């Protein structure tokens, strides 16, 4: 995870600690898919809304990590990847 200095006071998504101005932090984002339809109130069908009227929309959610939590997350990811590659070599 790449760390950068924050200009804002943030809160760690993992441990809940406050990340003070000038401290290093990491940030990840996740896109969350949702279904939406564009029927107005007066034009709603009396039956179930048909499948063709739904569309997929993505909402972006960002997660801030303090430096210790971000390093821990990187270590877990590296250990997981090394276990996978060791399993492939067998």
PDB file of N, CA and C in Angstrom:
ATOM      1  N   UNK A   1       0.851  -1.161   0.000  1.00  0.00           N
ATOM      2  CA  UNK A   1       0.000   0.000   0.000  1.00  0.00           C
ATOM      3  C   UNK A   1       0.902   1.230   0.000  1.00  0.00           C
ATOM      4  N   UNK A   2       0.557   2.188  -0.830  1.00  0.00           N
ATOM      5  CA  UNK A   2       1.316   3.429  -0.894  1.00  0.00           C
ATOM      6  C   UNK A   2       0.793   4.383   0.183  1.00  0.00           C
ATOM      7  N   UNK A   3       1.715   4.972   0.935  1.00  0.00           N
ATOM      8  CA  UNK A   3       1.341   5.904   1.994  1.00  0.00           C
ATOM      9  C   UNK A   3       1.634   7.328   1.563  1.00  0.00           C
ATOM     10  N   UNK A   4       0.800   8.250   2.008  1.00  0.00           N
ATOM     11  CA  UNK A   4       1.004   9.672   1.736  1.00  0.00           C
ATOM     12  C   UNK A   4       0.628  10.462   2.977  1.00  0.00           C
ATOM     13  N   UNK A   5       1.072  11.726   3.040  1.00  0.00           N
ATOM     14  CA  UNK A   5       0.769  12.557   4.201  1.00  0.00           C
ATOM     15  C   UNK A   5      -0.617  13.150   4.051  1.00  0.00           C
ATOM     16  N   UNK A   6      -1.367  13.134   5.135  1.00  0.00           N
ATOM     17  CA  UNK A   6      -2.721  13.665   5.100  1.00  0.00           C
ATOM     18  C   UNK A   6      -2.729  15.159   5.420  1.00  0.00           C
ATOM     19  N   UNK A   7      -3.626  15.869   4.759  1.00  0.00           N
ATOM     20  CA  UNK A   7      -3.836  17.280   5.056  1.00  0.00           C
ATOM     21  C   UNK A   7      -5.083  17.482   5.914  1.00  0.00           C
ATOM     22  N   UNK A   8      -5.837  16.402   6.109  1.00  0.00           N
ATOM     23  CA  UNK A   8      -7.070  16.438   6.884  1.00  0.00           C
ATOM     24  C   UNK A   8      -6.949  15.494   8.076  1.00  0.00           C
ATOM     25  N   UNK A   9      -7.774  15.694   9.068  1.00  0.00           N
ATOM     26  CA  UNK A   9      -7.880  14.733  10.164  1.00  0.00           C
ATOM     27  C   UNK A   9      -8.797  13.621   9.669  1.00  0.00           C
ATOM     28  N   UNK A  10      -8.314  12.390   9.718  1.00  0.00           N
ATOM     29  CA  UNK A  10      -9.062  11.240   9.214  1.00  0.00           C
ATOM     30  C   UNK A  10      -9.212  10.212  10.318  1.00  0.00           C
ATOM     31  N   UNK A  11     -10.030   9.198  10.039  1.00  0.00           N
ATOM     32  CA  UNK A  11     -10.217   8.101  10.987  1.00  0.00           C
ATOM     33  C   UNK A  11      -9.888   6.790  10.283  1.00  0.00           C
ATOM     34  N   UNK A  12      -9.128   5.938  10.941  1.00  0.00           N
ATOM     35  CA  UNK A  12      -8.741   4.652  10.366  1.00  0.00           C
ATOM     36  C   UNK A  12      -9.963   3.742  10.273  1.00  0.00           C
ATOM     37  N   UNK A  13     -10.153   3.122   9.124  1.00  0.00           N
ATOM     38  CA  UNK A  13     -11.292   2.231   8.918  1.00  0.00           C
ATOM     39  C   UNK A  13     -11.120   0.906   9.650  1.00  0.00           C
ATOM     40  N   UNK A  14      -9.886   0.553   9.964  1.00  0.00           N
ATOM     41  CA  UNK A  14      -9.618  -0.725  10.600  1.00  0.00           C
ATOM     42  C   UNK A  14      -9.694  -0.648  12.123  1.00  0.00           C
ATOM     43  N   UNK A  15      -8.905   0.260  12.723  1.00  0.00           N
ATOM     44  CA  UNK A  15      -8.832   0.299  14.186  1.00  0.00           C
ATOM     45  C   UNK A  15      -9.624   1.449  14.805  1.00  0.00           C
ATOM     46  N   UNK A  16     -10.050   2.423  14.008  1.00  0.00           N
ATOM     47  CA  UNK A  16     -10.850   3.527  14.521  1.00  0.00           C
ATOM     48  C   UNK A  16     -10.057   4.675  15.121  1.00  0.00           C
ATOM     49  N   UNK A  17      -8.712   4.602  15.081  1.00  0.00           N
ATOM     50  CA  UNK A  17      -7.890   5.678  15.625  1.00  0.00           C
ATOM     51  C   UNK A  17      -7.944   6.899  14.711  1.00  0.00           C
ATOM     52  N   UNK A  18      -7.671   8.061  15.296  1.00  0.00           N
ATOM     53  CA  UNK A  18      -7.636   9.298  14.530  1.00  0.00           C
ATOM     54  C   UNK A  18      -6.275   9.430  13.855  1.00  0.00           C
ATOM     55  N   UNK A  19      -6.270   9.780  12.572  1.00  0.00           N
ATOM     56  CA  UNK A  19      -5.041  10.030  11.830  1.00  0.00           C
ATOM     57  C   UNK A  19      -4.874  11.547  11.780  1.00  0.00           C
ATOM     58  N   UNK A  20      -3.869  12.056  12.485  1.00  0.00           N
ATOM     59  CA  UNK A  20      -3.661  13.496  12.605  1.00  0.00           C
ATOM     60  C   UNK A  20      -3.075  14.083  11.318  1.00  0.00           C
ATOM     61  N   UNK A  21      -3.208  15.393  11.162  1.00  0.00           N
ATOM     62  CA  UNK A  21      -2.628  16.093  10.011  1.00  0.00           C
ATOM     63  C   UNK A  21      -1.123  15.851   9.968  1.00  0.00           C
ATOM     64  N   UNK A  22      -0.591  15.590   8.775  1.00  0.00           N
ATOM     65  CA  UNK A  22       0.841  15.364   8.611  1.00  0.00           C
ATOM     66  C   UNK A  22       1.258  13.925   8.796  1.00  0.00           C
ATOM     67  N   UNK A  23       0.385  13.071   9.297  1.00  0.00           N
ATOM     68  CA  UNK A  23       0.711  11.653   9.479  1.00  0.00           C
ATOM     69  C   UNK A  23       0.543  10.914   8.151  1.00  0.00           C
ATOM     70  N   UNK A  24       1.211   9.769   8.059  1.00  0.00           N
ATOM     71  CA  UNK A  24       1.083   8.948   6.855  1.00  0.00           C
ATOM     72  C   UNK A  24      -0.179   8.101   6.945  1.00  0.00           C
ATOM     73  N   UNK A  25      -0.833   7.925   5.794  1.00  0.00           N
ATOM     74  CA  UNK A  25      -2.026   7.089   5.725  1.00  0.00           C
ATOM     75  C   UNK A  25      -2.095   6.455   4.349  1.00  0.00           C
ATOM     76  N   UNK A  26      -2.836   5.369   4.240  1.00  0.00           N
ATOM     77  CA  UNK A  26      -3.102   4.707   2.973  1.00  0.00           C
ATOM     78  C   UNK A  26      -4.589   4.763   2.693  1.00  0.00           C
ATOM     79  N   UNK A  27      -4.945   4.684   1.434  1.00  0.00           N
ATOM     80  CA  UNK A  27      -6.365   4.775   1.083  1.00  0.00           C
ATOM     81  C   UNK A  27      -6.700   3.756   0.011  1.00  0.00           C
ATOM     82  N   UNK A  28      -7.785   3.048   0.194  1.00  0.00           N
ATOM     83  CA  UNK A  28      -8.309   2.106  -0.796  1.00  0.00           C
ATOM     84  C   UNK A  28      -9.763   2.452  -1.054  1.00  0.00           C
ATOM     85  N   UNK A  29     -10.237   2.143  -2.240  1.00  0.00           N
ATOM     86  CA  UNK A  29     -11.643   2.373  -2.545  1.00  0.00           C
ATOM     87  C   UNK A  29     -12.263   1.086  -3.067  1.00  0.00           C
ATOM     88  N   UNK A  30     -13.567   1.002  -2.919  1.00  0.00           N
ATOM     89  CA  UNK A  30     -14.301  -0.170  -3.377  1.00  0.00           C
ATOM     90  C   UNK A  30     -15.560   0.309  -4.088  1.00  0.00           C
ATOM     91  N   UNK A  31     -15.851  -0.271  -5.240  1.00  0.00           N
ATOM     92  CA  UNK A  31     -17.076   0.048  -5.969  1.00  0.00           C
ATOM     93  C   UNK A  31     -18.150  -0.953  -5.578  1.00  0.00           C
ATOM     94  N   UNK A  32     -19.289  -0.437  -5.145  1.00  0.00           N
ATOM     95  CA  UNK A  32     -20.387  -1.289  -4.687  1.00  0.00           C
ATOM     96  C   UNK A  32     -21.510  -1.232  -5.722  1.00  0.00           C
ATOM     97  N   UNK A  33     -21.837  -2.361  -6.368  1.00  0.00           N
ATOM     98  CA  UNK A  33     -22.897  -2.349  -7.377  1.00  0.00           C
ATOM     99  C   UNK A  33     -24.292  -2.337  -6.743  1.00  0.00           C
ATOM    100  N   UNK A  34     -25.182  -1.581  -7.341  1.00  0.00           N
ATOM    101  CA  UNK A  34     -26.583  -1.502  -6.903  1.00  0.00           C
ATOM    102  C   UNK A  34     -27.463  -1.549  -8.155  1.00  0.00           C
ATOM    103  N   UNK A  35     -28.705  -1.929  -7.993  1.00  0.00           N
ATOM    104  CA  UNK A  35     -29.665  -1.922  -9.090  1.00  0.00           C
ATOM    105  C   UNK A  35     -30.604  -0.736  -8.911  1.00  0.00           C
ATOM    106  N   UNK A  36     -30.888  -0.030  -9.988  1.00  0.00           N
ATOM    107  CA  UNK A  36     -31.848   1.067  -9.908  1.00  0.00           C
ATOM    108  C   UNK A  36     -32.734   1.055 -11.145  1.00  0.00           C
ATOM    109  N   UNK A  37     -33.892   1.638 -11.011  1.00  0.00           N
ATOM    110  CA  UNK A  37     -34.814   1.784 -12.126  1.00  0.00           C
ATOM    111  C   UNK A  37     -35.277   3.229 -12.168  1.00  0.00           C
ATOM    112  N   UNK A  38     -35.783   3.654 -13.319  1.00  0.00           N
ATOM    113  CA  UNK A  38     -36.124   5.070 -13.469  1.00  0.00           C
ATOM    114  C   UNK A  38     -37.623   5.270 -13.727  1.00  0.00           C
ATOM    115  N   UNK A  39     -38.452   4.576 -12.980  1.00  0.00           N
ATOM    116  CA  UNK A  39     -39.892   4.785 -13.099  1.00  0.00           C
ATOM    117  C   UNK A  39     -40.282   5.997 -12.267  1.00  0.00           C
ATOM    118  N   UNK A  40     -41.101   6.864 -12.821  1.00  0.00           N
ATOM    119  CA  UNK A  40     -41.631   7.945 -11.994  1.00  0.00           C
ATOM    120  C   UNK A  40     -42.818   7.394 -11.199  1.00  0.00           C
ATOM    121  N   UNK A  41     -43.260   8.113 -10.214  1.00  0.00           N
ATOM    122  CA  UNK A  41     -44.334   7.620  -9.338  1.00  0.00           C
ATOM    123  C   UNK A  41     -45.624   7.373 -10.125  1.00  0.00           C
ATOM    124  N   UNK A  42     -45.951   8.243 -11.044  1.00  0.00           N
ATOM    125  CA  UNK A  42     -47.202   8.097 -11.778  1.00  0.00           C
ATOM    126  C   UNK A  42     -47.147   7.003 -12.835  1.00  0.00           C
ATOM    127  N   UNK A  43     -45.965   6.653 -13.308  1.00  0.00           N
ATOM    128  CA  UNK A  43     -45.840   5.684 -14.396  1.00  0.00           C
ATOM    129  C   UNK A  43     -45.477   4.282 -13.909  1.00  0.00           C
ATOM    130  N   UNK A  44     -45.447   4.060 -12.614  1.00  0.00           N
ATOM    131  CA  UNK A  44     -45.089   2.739 -12.105  1.00  0.00           C
ATOM    132  C   UNK A  44     -46.102   1.699 -12.560  1.00  0.00           C
ATOM    133  N   UNK A  45     -45.631   0.535 -12.955  1.00  0.00           N
ATOM    134  CA  UNK A  45     -46.572  -0.525 -13.319  1.00  0.00           C
ATOM    135  C   UNK A  45     -47.245  -1.091 -12.073  1.00  0.00           C
ATOM    136  N   UNK A  46     -48.430  -1.611 -12.255  1.00  0.00           N
ATOM    137  CA  UNK A  46     -49.147  -2.195 -11.123  1.00  0.00           C
ATOM    138  C   UNK A  46     -48.593  -3.582 -10.787  1.00  0.00           C
ATOM    139  N   UNK A  47     -47.945  -4.235 -11.754  1.00  0.00           N
ATOM    140  CA  UNK A  47     -47.333  -5.538 -11.512  1.00  0.00           C
ATOM    141  C   UNK A  47     -45.864  -5.331 -11.117  1.00  0.00           C
ATOM    142  N   UNK A  48     -45.128  -6.413 -11.171  1.00  0.00           N
ATOM    143  CA  UNK A  48     -43.707  -6.357 -10.860  1.00  0.00           C
ATOM    144  C   UNK A  48     -42.965  -5.575 -11.947  1.00  0.00           C
ATOM    145  N   UNK A  49     -41.937  -4.841 -11.573  1.00  0.00           N
ATOM    146  CA  UNK A  49     -41.155  -4.053 -12.541  1.00  0.00           C
ATOM    147  C   UNK A  49     -40.364  -5.023 -13.408  1.00  0.00           C
ATOM    148  N   UNK A  50     -40.421  -4.879 -14.737  1.00  0.00           N
ATOM    149  CA  UNK A  50     -39.749  -5.832 -15.630  1.00  0.00           C
ATOM    150  C   UNK A  50     -38.223  -5.755 -15.518  1.00  0.00           C
ATOM    151  N   UNK A  51     -37.560  -6.869 -15.861  1.00  0.00           N
ATOM    152  CA  UNK A  51     -36.101  -6.962 -15.751  1.00  0.00           C
ATOM    153  C   UNK A  51     -35.372  -5.978 -16.650  1.00  0.00           C
ATOM    154  N   UNK A  52     -35.908  -5.668 -17.819  1.00  0.00           N
ATOM    155  CA  UNK A  52     -35.205  -4.779 -18.754  1.00  0.00           C
ATOM    156  C   UNK A  52     -35.123  -3.344 -18.247  1.00  0.00           C
ATOM    157  N   UNK A  53     -35.922  -2.976 -17.255  1.00  0.00           N
ATOM    158  CA  UNK A  53     -35.926  -1.597 -16.778  1.00  0.00           C
ATOM    159  C   UNK A  53     -34.871  -1.330 -15.689  1.00  0.00           C
ATOM    160  N   UNK A  54     -34.221  -2.370 -15.211  1.00  0.00           N
ATOM    161  CA  UNK A  54     -33.204  -2.200 -14.169  1.00  0.00           C
ATOM    162  C   UNK A  54     -31.849  -1.960 -14.803  1.00  0.00           C
ATOM    163  N   UNK A  55     -31.047  -1.114 -14.162  1.00  0.00           N
ATOM    164  CA  UNK A  55     -29.675  -0.897 -14.614  1.00  0.00           C
ATOM    165  C   UNK A  55     -28.742  -0.954 -13.413  1.00  0.00           C
ATOM    166  N   UNK A  56     -27.487  -1.312 -13.672  1.00  0.00           N
ATOM    167  CA  UNK A  56     -26.509  -1.441 -12.601  1.00  0.00           C
ATOM    168  C   UNK A  56     -25.797  -0.103 -12.429  1.00  0.00           C
ATOM    169  N   UNK A  57     -25.720   0.361 -11.187  1.00  0.00           N
ATOM    170  CA  UNK A  57     -25.058   1.616 -10.844  1.00  0.00           C
ATOM    171  C   UNK A  57     -24.019   1.298  -9.772  1.00  0.00           C
ATOM    172  N   UNK A  58     -22.866   1.967  -9.806  1.00  0.00           N
ATOM    173  CA  UNK A  58     -21.801   1.725  -8.838  1.00  0.00           C
ATOM    174  C   UNK A  58     -21.629   2.926  -7.916  1.00  0.00           C
ATOM    175  N   UNK A  59     -21.536   2.657  -6.622  1.00  0.00           N
ATOM    176  CA  UNK A  59     -21.229   3.676  -5.631  1.00  0.00           C
ATOM    177  C   UNK A  59     -19.820   3.425  -5.134  1.00  0.00           C
ATOM    178  N   UNK A  60     -19.043   4.477  -5.007  1.00  0.00           N
ATOM    179  CA  UNK A  60     -17.659   4.355  -4.576  1.00  0.00           C
ATOM    180  C   UNK A  60     -17.561   4.647  -3.082  1.00  0.00           C
ATOM    181  N   UNK A  61     -16.894   3.758  -2.354  1.00  0.00           N
ATOM    182  CA  UNK A  61     -16.676   3.953  -0.931  1.00  0.00           C
ATOM    183  C   UNK A  61     -15.172   3.895  -0.686  1.00  0.00           C
ATOM    184  N   UNK A  62     -14.632   4.880   0.029  1.00  0.00           N
ATOM    185  CA  UNK A  62     -13.197   4.917   0.298  1.00  0.00           C
ATOM    186  C   UNK A  62     -12.928   4.530   1.744  1.00  0.00           C
ATOM    187  N   UNK A  63     -11.784   3.884   1.950  1.00  0.00           N
ATOM    188  CA  UNK A  63     -11.354   3.440   3.265  1.00  0.00           C
ATOM    189  C   UNK A  63      -9.972   4.009   3.532  1.00  0.00           C
ATOM    190  N   UNK A  64      -9.799   4.668   4.681  1.00  0.00           N
ATOM    191  CA  UNK A  64      -8.514   5.215   5.086  1.00  0.00           C
ATOM    192  C   UNK A  64      -7.882   4.266   6.102  1.00  0.00           C
ATOM    193  N   UNK A  65      -6.560   4.064   5.980  1.00  0.00           N
ATOM    194  CA  UNK A  65      -5.828   3.180   6.866  1.00  0.00           C
ATOM    195  C   UNK A  65      -4.681   3.948   7.498  1.00  0.00           C
ATOM    196  N   UNK A  66      -4.512   3.829   8.834  1.00  0.00           N
ATOM    197  CA  UNK A  66      -3.335   4.412   9.473  1.00  0.00           C
ATOM    198  C   UNK A  66      -2.121   3.570   9.067  1.00  0.00           C
ATOM    199  N   UNK A  67      -0.941   4.088   9.290  1.00  0.00           N
ATOM    200  CA  UNK A  67       0.273   3.409   8.821  1.00  0.00           C
ATOM    201  C   UNK A  67       0.444   2.002   9.404  1.00  0.00           C
ATOM    202  N   UNK A  68       0.281   1.792  10.726  1.00  0.00           N
ATOM    203  CA  UNK A  68       0.444   0.422  11.247  1.00  0.00           C
ATOM    204  C   UNK A  68      -0.564  -0.569  10.666  1.00  0.00           C
ATOM    205  N   UNK A  69      -1.824  -0.159  10.531  1.00  0.00           N
ATOM    206  CA  UNK A  69      -2.842  -1.062   9.967  1.00  0.00           C
ATOM    207  C   UNK A  69      -2.566  -1.345   8.493  1.00  0.00           C
ATOM    208  N   UNK A  70      -2.118  -0.341   7.752  1.00  0.00           N
ATOM    209  CA  UNK A  70      -1.812  -0.522   6.339  1.00  0.00           C
ATOM    210  C   UNK A  70      -0.639  -1.462   6.131  1.00  0.00           C
ATOM    211  N   UNK A  71       0.388  -1.345   6.982  1.00  0.00           N
ATOM    212  CA  UNK A  71       1.535  -2.254   6.873  1.00  0.00           C
ATOM    213  C   UNK A  71       1.123  -3.674   7.225  1.00  0.00           C
ATOM    214  N   UNK A  72       0.270  -3.818   8.244  1.00  0.00           N
ATOM    215  CA  UNK A  72      -0.225  -5.136   8.634  1.00  0.00           C
ATOM    216  C   UNK A  72      -1.010  -5.761   7.482  1.00  0.00           C
ATOM    217  N   UNK A  73      -1.832  -4.952   6.822  1.00  0.00           N
ATOM    218  CA  UNK A  73      -2.640  -5.424   5.700  1.00  0.00           C
ATOM    219  C   UNK A  73      -1.733  -5.884   4.557  1.00  0.00           C
ATOM    220  N   UNK A  74      -0.657  -5.123   4.270  1.00  0.00           N
ATOM    221  CA  UNK A  74       0.293  -5.511   3.229  1.00  0.00           C
ATOM    222  C   UNK A  74       0.991  -6.819   3.579  1.00  0.00           C
ATOM    223  N   UNK A  75       1.388  -6.984   4.857  1.00  0.00           N
ATOM    224  CA  UNK A  75       2.049  -8.216   5.281  1.00  0.00           C
ATOM    225  C   UNK A  75       1.126  -9.413   5.110  1.00  0.00           C
ATOM    226  N   UNK A  76      -0.148  -9.255   5.470  1.00  0.00           N
ATOM    227  CA  UNK A  76      -1.110 -10.343   5.298  1.00  0.00           C
ATOM    228  C   UNK A  76      -1.265 -10.707   3.828  1.00  0.00           C
ATOM    229  N   UNK A  77      -1.323  -9.680   2.972  1.00  0.00           N
ATOM    230  CA  UNK A  77      -1.481  -9.920   1.539  1.00  0.00           C
ATOM    231  C   UNK A  77      -0.259 -10.636   0.977  1.00  0.00           C
ATOM    232  N   UNK A  78       0.951 -10.211   1.401  1.00  0.00           N
ATOM    233  CA  UNK A  78       2.170 -10.854   0.917  1.00  0.00           C
ATOM    234  C   UNK A  78       2.265 -12.295   1.385  1.00  0.00           C
ATOM    235  N   UNK A  79       1.907 -12.563   2.643  1.00  0.00           N
ATOM    236  CA  UNK A  79       1.921 -13.940   3.157  1.00  0.00           C
ATOM    237  C   UNK A  79       0.922 -14.808   2.407  1.00  0.00           C
ATOM    238  N   UNK A  80      -0.261 -14.276   2.129  1.00  0.00           N
ATOM    239  CA  UNK A  80      -1.284 -15.018   1.399  1.00  0.00           C
ATOM    240  C   UNK A  80      -0.795 -15.347  -0.015  1.00  0.00           C
ATOM    241  N   UNK A  81      -0.187 -14.361  -0.704  1.00  0.00           N
ATOM    242  CA  UNK A  81       0.305 -14.589  -2.060  1.00  0.00           C
ATOM    243  C   UNK A  81       1.456 -15.595  -2.074  1.00  0.00           C
ATOM    244  N   UNK A  82       2.334 -15.574  -1.070  1.00  0.00           N
ATOM    245  CA  UNK A  82       3.443 -16.531  -1.024  1.00  0.00           C
ATOM    246  C   UNK A  82       2.919 -17.945  -0.756  1.00  0.00           C
ATOM    247  N   UNK A  83       1.849 -18.070   0.059  1.00  0.00           N
ATOM    248  CA  UNK A  83       1.262 -19.387   0.299  1.00  0.00           C
ATOM    249  C   UNK A  83       0.629 -19.933  -0.969  1.00  0.00           C
ATOM    250  N   UNK A  84      -0.002 -19.081  -1.737  1.00  0.00           N
ATOM    251  CA  UNK A  84      -0.618 -19.512  -2.994  1.00  0.00           C
ATOM    252  C   UNK A  84       0.463 -19.981  -3.970  1.00  0.00           C
ATOM    253  N   UNK A  85       1.519 -19.191  -4.116  1.00  0.00           N
ATOM    254  CA  UNK A  85       2.569 -19.555  -5.063  1.00  0.00           C
ATOM    255  C   UNK A  85       3.300 -20.813  -4.602  1.00  0.00           C
ATOM    256  N   UNK A  86       3.448 -21.039  -3.296  1.00  0.00           N
ATOM    257  CA  UNK A  86       4.072 -22.258  -2.792  1.00  0.00           C
ATOM    258  C   UNK A  86       3.186 -23.468  -3.114  1.00  0.00           C
ATOM    259  N   UNK A  87       1.884 -23.292  -3.029  1.00  0.00           N
ATOM    260  CA  UNK A  87       0.956 -24.371  -3.352  1.00  0.00           C
ATOM    261  C   UNK A  87       0.971 -24.720  -4.826  1.00  0.00           C
ATOM    262  N   UNK A  88       1.223 -23.737  -5.697  1.00  0.00           N
ATOM    263  CA  UNK A  88       1.280 -23.978  -7.136  1.00  0.00           C
ATOM    264  C   UNK A  88       2.544 -24.740  -7.512  1.00  0.00           C
ATOM    265  N   UNK A  89       3.624 -24.562  -6.748  1.00  0.00           N
ATOM    266  CA  UNK A  89       4.897 -25.221  -7.068  1.00  0.00           C
ATOM    267  C   UNK A  89       4.875 -26.695  -6.704  1.00  0.00           C
ATOM    268  N   UNK A  90       3.983 -27.094  -5.803  1.00  0.00           N
ATOM    269  CA  UNK A  90       3.937 -28.496  -5.378  1.00  0.00           C
ATOM    270  C   UNK A  90       3.372 -29.381  -6.423  1.00  0.00           C
TER     271      UNK A  90
END
